PDB file of N, CA and C in Angstrom:
ATOM      1  N   MET A   1     153.640 155.301  99.133  1.00  0.00           N
ATOM      2  CA  MET A   1     154.732 154.394  99.444  1.00  0.00           C
ATOM      3  C   MET A   1     155.993 155.176  99.796  1.00  0.00           C
ATOM      4  N   LYS A   2     156.165 156.321  99.151  1.00  0.00           N
ATOM      5  CA  LYS A   2     157.355 157.124  99.430  1.00  0.00           C
ATOM      6  C   LYS A   2     157.347 157.599 100.882  1.00  0.00           C
ATOM      7  N   GLN A   3     156.166 157.963 101.373  1.00  0.00           N
ATOM      8  CA  GLN A   3     156.064 158.414 102.768  1.00  0.00           C
ATOM      9  C   GLN A   3     156.394 157.281 103.726  1.00  0.00           C
ATOM     10  N   LEU A   4     155.924 156.082 103.414  1.00  0.00           N
ATOM     11  CA  LEU A   4     156.225 154.928 104.261  1.00  0.00           C
ATOM     12  C   LEU A   4     157.724 154.648 104.261  1.00  0.00           C
ATOM     13  N   TYR A   5     158.342 154.730 103.090  1.00  0.00           N
ATOM     14  CA  TYR A   5     159.789 154.496 102.989  1.00  0.00           C
ATOM     15  C   TYR A   5     160.568 155.521 103.801  1.00  0.00           C
ATOM     16  N   GLU A   6     160.160 156.779 103.715  1.00  0.00           N
ATOM     17  CA  GLU A   6     160.862 157.829 104.447  1.00  0.00           C
ATOM     18  C   GLU A   6     160.658 157.695 105.954  1.00  0.00           C
ATOM     19  N   LYS A   7     159.488 157.172 106.353  1.00  0.00           N
ATOM     20  CA  LYS A   7     159.205 157.021 107.778  1.00  0.00           C
ATOM     21  C   LYS A   7     160.006 155.867 108.374  1.00  0.00           C
ATOM     22  N   SER A   8     160.003 154.727 107.698  1.00  0.00           N
ATOM     23  CA  SER A   8     160.714 153.558 108.220  1.00  0.00           C
ATOM     24  C   SER A   8     161.053 152.608 107.084  1.00  0.00           C
ATOM     25  N   GLU A   9     162.321 152.484 106.790  1.00  0.00           N
ATOM     26  CA  GLU A   9     162.766 151.591 105.724  1.00  0.00           C
ATOM     27  C   GLU A   9     162.476 150.136 106.062  1.00  0.00           C
ATOM     28  N   LEU A  10     162.578 149.777 107.335  1.00  0.00           N
ATOM     29  CA  LEU A  10     162.326 148.395 107.750  1.00  0.00           C
ATOM     30  C   LEU A  10     160.870 148.011 107.512  1.00  0.00           C
ATOM     31  N   ILE A  11     159.948 148.867 107.922  1.00  0.00           N
ATOM     32  CA  ILE A  11     158.533 148.585 107.718  1.00  0.00           C
ATOM     33  C   ILE A  11     158.222 148.536 106.229  1.00  0.00           C
ATOM     34  N   PHE A  12     158.822 149.425 105.453  1.00  0.00           N
ATOM     35  CA  PHE A  12     158.651 149.431 104.003  1.00  0.00           C
ATOM     36  C   PHE A  12     159.058 148.081 103.412  1.00  0.00           C
ATOM     37  N   ALA A  13     160.213 147.576 103.826  1.00  0.00           N
ATOM     38  CA  ALA A  13     160.693 146.288 103.329  1.00  0.00           C
ATOM     39  C   ALA A  13     159.763 145.154 103.761  1.00  0.00           C
ATOM     40  N   LEU A  14     159.307 145.179 104.992  1.00  0.00           N
ATOM     41  CA  LEU A  14     158.413 144.134 105.481  1.00  0.00           C
ATOM     42  C   LEU A  14     157.079 144.147 104.759  1.00  0.00           C
ATOM     43  N   VAL A  15     156.579 145.336 104.429  1.00  0.00           N
ATOM     44  CA  VAL A  15     155.333 145.437 103.670  1.00  0.00           C
ATOM     45  C   VAL A  15     155.503 144.792 102.297  1.00  0.00           C
ATOM     46  N   TRP A  16     156.615 145.085 101.621  1.00  0.00           N
ATOM     47  CA  TRP A  16     156.840 144.502 100.293  1.00  0.00           C
ATOM     48  C   TRP A  16     157.040 142.995 100.370  1.00  0.00           C
ATOM     49  N   ILE A  17     157.687 142.507 101.409  1.00  0.00           N
ATOM     50  CA  ILE A  17     157.842 141.062 101.586  1.00  0.00           C
ATOM     51  C   ILE A  17     156.470 140.423 101.784  1.00  0.00           C
ATOM     52  N   GLY A  18     155.622 141.063 102.578  1.00  0.00           N
ATOM     53  CA  GLY A  18     154.263 140.562 102.789  1.00  0.00           C
ATOM     54  C   GLY A  18     153.463 140.536 101.501  1.00  0.00           C
ATOM     55  N   ILE A  19     153.552 141.608 100.709  1.00  0.00           N
ATOM     56  CA  ILE A  19     152.859 141.664  99.420  1.00  0.00           C
ATOM     57  C   ILE A  19     153.349 140.545  98.507  1.00  0.00           C
ATOM     58  N   TYR A  20     154.647 140.337  98.476  1.00  0.00           N
ATOM     59  CA  TYR A  20     155.231 139.275  97.644  1.00  0.00           C
ATOM     60  C   TYR A  20     154.698 137.900  98.053  1.00  0.00           C
ATOM     61  N   CYS A  21     154.661 137.641  99.354  1.00  0.00           N
ATOM     62  CA  CYS A  21     154.188 136.337  99.843  1.00  0.00           C
ATOM     63  C   CYS A  21     152.732 136.105  99.480  1.00  0.00           C
ATOM     64  N   VAL A  22     151.905 137.131  99.648  1.00  0.00           N
ATOM     65  CA  VAL A  22     150.488 137.005  99.316  1.00  0.00           C
ATOM     66  C   VAL A  22     150.310 136.747  97.827  1.00  0.00           C
ATOM     67  N   LEU A  23     151.025 137.489  96.993  1.00  0.00           N
ATOM     68  CA  LEU A  23     150.902 137.308  95.549  1.00  0.00           C
ATOM     69  C   LEU A  23     151.401 135.939  95.105  1.00  0.00           C
ATOM     70  N   GLN A  24     152.463 135.434  95.717  1.00  0.00           N
ATOM     71  CA  GLN A  24     152.961 134.092  95.388  1.00  0.00           C
ATOM     72  C   GLN A  24     151.925 133.042  95.755  1.00  0.00           C
ATOM     73  N   SER A  25     151.304 133.207  96.905  1.00  0.00           N
ATOM     74  CA  SER A  25     150.278 132.259  97.333  1.00  0.00           C
ATOM     75  C   SER A  25     149.095 132.274  96.377  1.00  0.00           C
ATOM     76  N   LEU A  26     148.665 133.460  95.969  1.00  0.00           N
ATOM     77  CA  LEU A  26     147.564 133.568  95.026  1.00  0.00           C
ATOM     78  C   LEU A  26     147.930 132.950  93.678  1.00  0.00           C
ATOM     79  N   ALA A  27     149.152 133.171  93.235  1.00  0.00           N
ATOM     80  CA  ALA A  27     149.595 132.617  91.954  1.00  0.00           C
ATOM     81  C   ALA A  27     149.618 131.096  92.006  1.00  0.00           C
ATOM     82  N   ASN A  28     150.096 130.532  93.107  1.00  0.00           N
ATOM     83  CA  ASN A  28     150.126 129.070  93.234  1.00  0.00           C
ATOM     84  C   ASN A  28     148.717 128.485  93.241  1.00  0.00           C
ATOM     85  N   SER A  29     147.801 129.159  93.938  1.00  0.00           N
ATOM     86  CA  SER A  29     146.414 128.690  93.959  1.00  0.00           C
ATOM     87  C   SER A  29     145.802 128.770  92.568  1.00  0.00           C
ATOM     88  N   LEU A  30     146.066 129.847  91.863  1.00  0.00           N
ATOM     89  CA  LEU A  30     145.537 130.009  90.512  1.00  0.00           C
ATOM     90  C   LEU A  30     146.107 128.946  89.575  1.00  0.00           C
ATOM     91  N   ASN A  31     147.385 128.636  89.730  1.00  0.00           N
ATOM     92  CA  ASN A  31     148.001 127.595  88.908  1.00  0.00           C
ATOM     93  C   ASN A  31     147.321 126.248  89.119  1.00  0.00           C
ATOM     94  N   GLU A  32     147.002 125.938  90.361  1.00  0.00           N
ATOM     95  CA  GLU A  32     146.323 124.669  90.643  1.00  0.00           C
ATOM     96  C   GLU A  32     144.933 124.651  90.024  1.00  0.00           C
ATOM     97  N   ILE A  33     144.244 125.786  90.080  1.00  0.00           N
ATOM     98  CA  ILE A  33     142.883 125.855  89.542  1.00  0.00           C
ATOM     99  C   ILE A  33     142.888 125.649  88.030  1.00  0.00           C
ATOM    100  N   ILE A  34     143.842 126.282  87.338  1.00  0.00           N
ATOM    101  CA  ILE A  34     143.851 126.186  85.878  1.00  0.00           C
ATOM    102  C   ILE A  34     144.681 125.011  85.368  1.00  0.00           C
ATOM    103  N   GLY A  35     145.332 124.288  86.283  1.00  0.00           N
ATOM    104  CA  GLY A  35     146.013 123.056  85.915  1.00  0.00           C
ATOM    105  C   GLY A  35     147.435 123.208  85.415  1.00  0.00           C
ATOM    106  N   ILE A  36     148.097 124.264  85.797  1.00  0.00           N
ATOM    107  CA  ILE A  36     149.490 124.449  85.396  1.00  0.00           C
ATOM    108  C   ILE A  36     150.388 123.905  86.502  1.00  0.00           C
ATOM    109  N   THR A  37     151.350 123.071  86.131  1.00  0.00           N
ATOM    110  CA  THR A  37     152.281 122.504  87.098  1.00  0.00           C
ATOM    111  C   THR A  37     153.302 123.551  87.510  1.00  0.00           C
ATOM    112  N   ASN A  38     153.620 123.562  88.786  1.00  0.00           N
ATOM    113  CA  ASN A  38     154.631 124.485  89.291  1.00  0.00           C
ATOM    114  C   ASN A  38     155.996 123.814  89.099  1.00  0.00           C
ATOM    115  N   PHE A  39     156.686 124.145  88.030  1.00  0.00           N
ATOM    116  CA  PHE A  39     157.961 123.512  87.692  1.00  0.00           C
ATOM    117  C   PHE A  39     159.067 123.858  88.683  1.00  0.00           C
ATOM    118  N   GLY A  40     158.975 124.954  89.373  1.00  0.00           N
ATOM    119  CA  GLY A  40     160.002 125.356  90.323  1.00  0.00           C
ATOM    120  C   GLY A  40     160.135 124.398  91.481  1.00  0.00           C
ATOM    121  N   MET A  41     159.077 123.734  91.840  1.00  0.00           N
ATOM    122  CA  MET A  41     159.116 122.802  92.970  1.00  0.00           C
ATOM    123  C   MET A  41     159.899 121.538  92.632  1.00  0.00           C
ATOM    124  N   GLY A  42     160.047 121.213  91.369  1.00  0.00           N
ATOM    125  CA  GLY A  42     160.750 120.002  90.979  1.00  0.00           C
ATOM    126  C   GLY A  42     162.249 120.178  90.807  1.00  0.00           C
ATOM    127  N   LEU A  43     162.767 121.339  91.094  1.00  0.00           N
ATOM    128  CA  LEU A  43     164.182 121.623  90.870  1.00  0.00           C
ATOM    129  C   LEU A  43     165.063 121.416  92.096  1.00  0.00           C
ATOM    130  N   ARG A  44     164.545 120.763  93.101  1.00  0.00           N
ATOM    131  CA  ARG A  44     165.319 120.578  94.331  1.00  0.00           C
ATOM    132  C   ARG A  44     166.463 119.650  94.147  1.00  0.00           C
TER     133      ARG A  44
END
């Protein structure tokens, strides 16, 4: 990761944003499977 950061900070940031989005999607799917309500969606 250090090499990627040194090569291009923008690509490094985009990679981490992509990882975050994928993990959030997986977490939401897992919550639905195990029956946990996503309380964050009700705070609008």
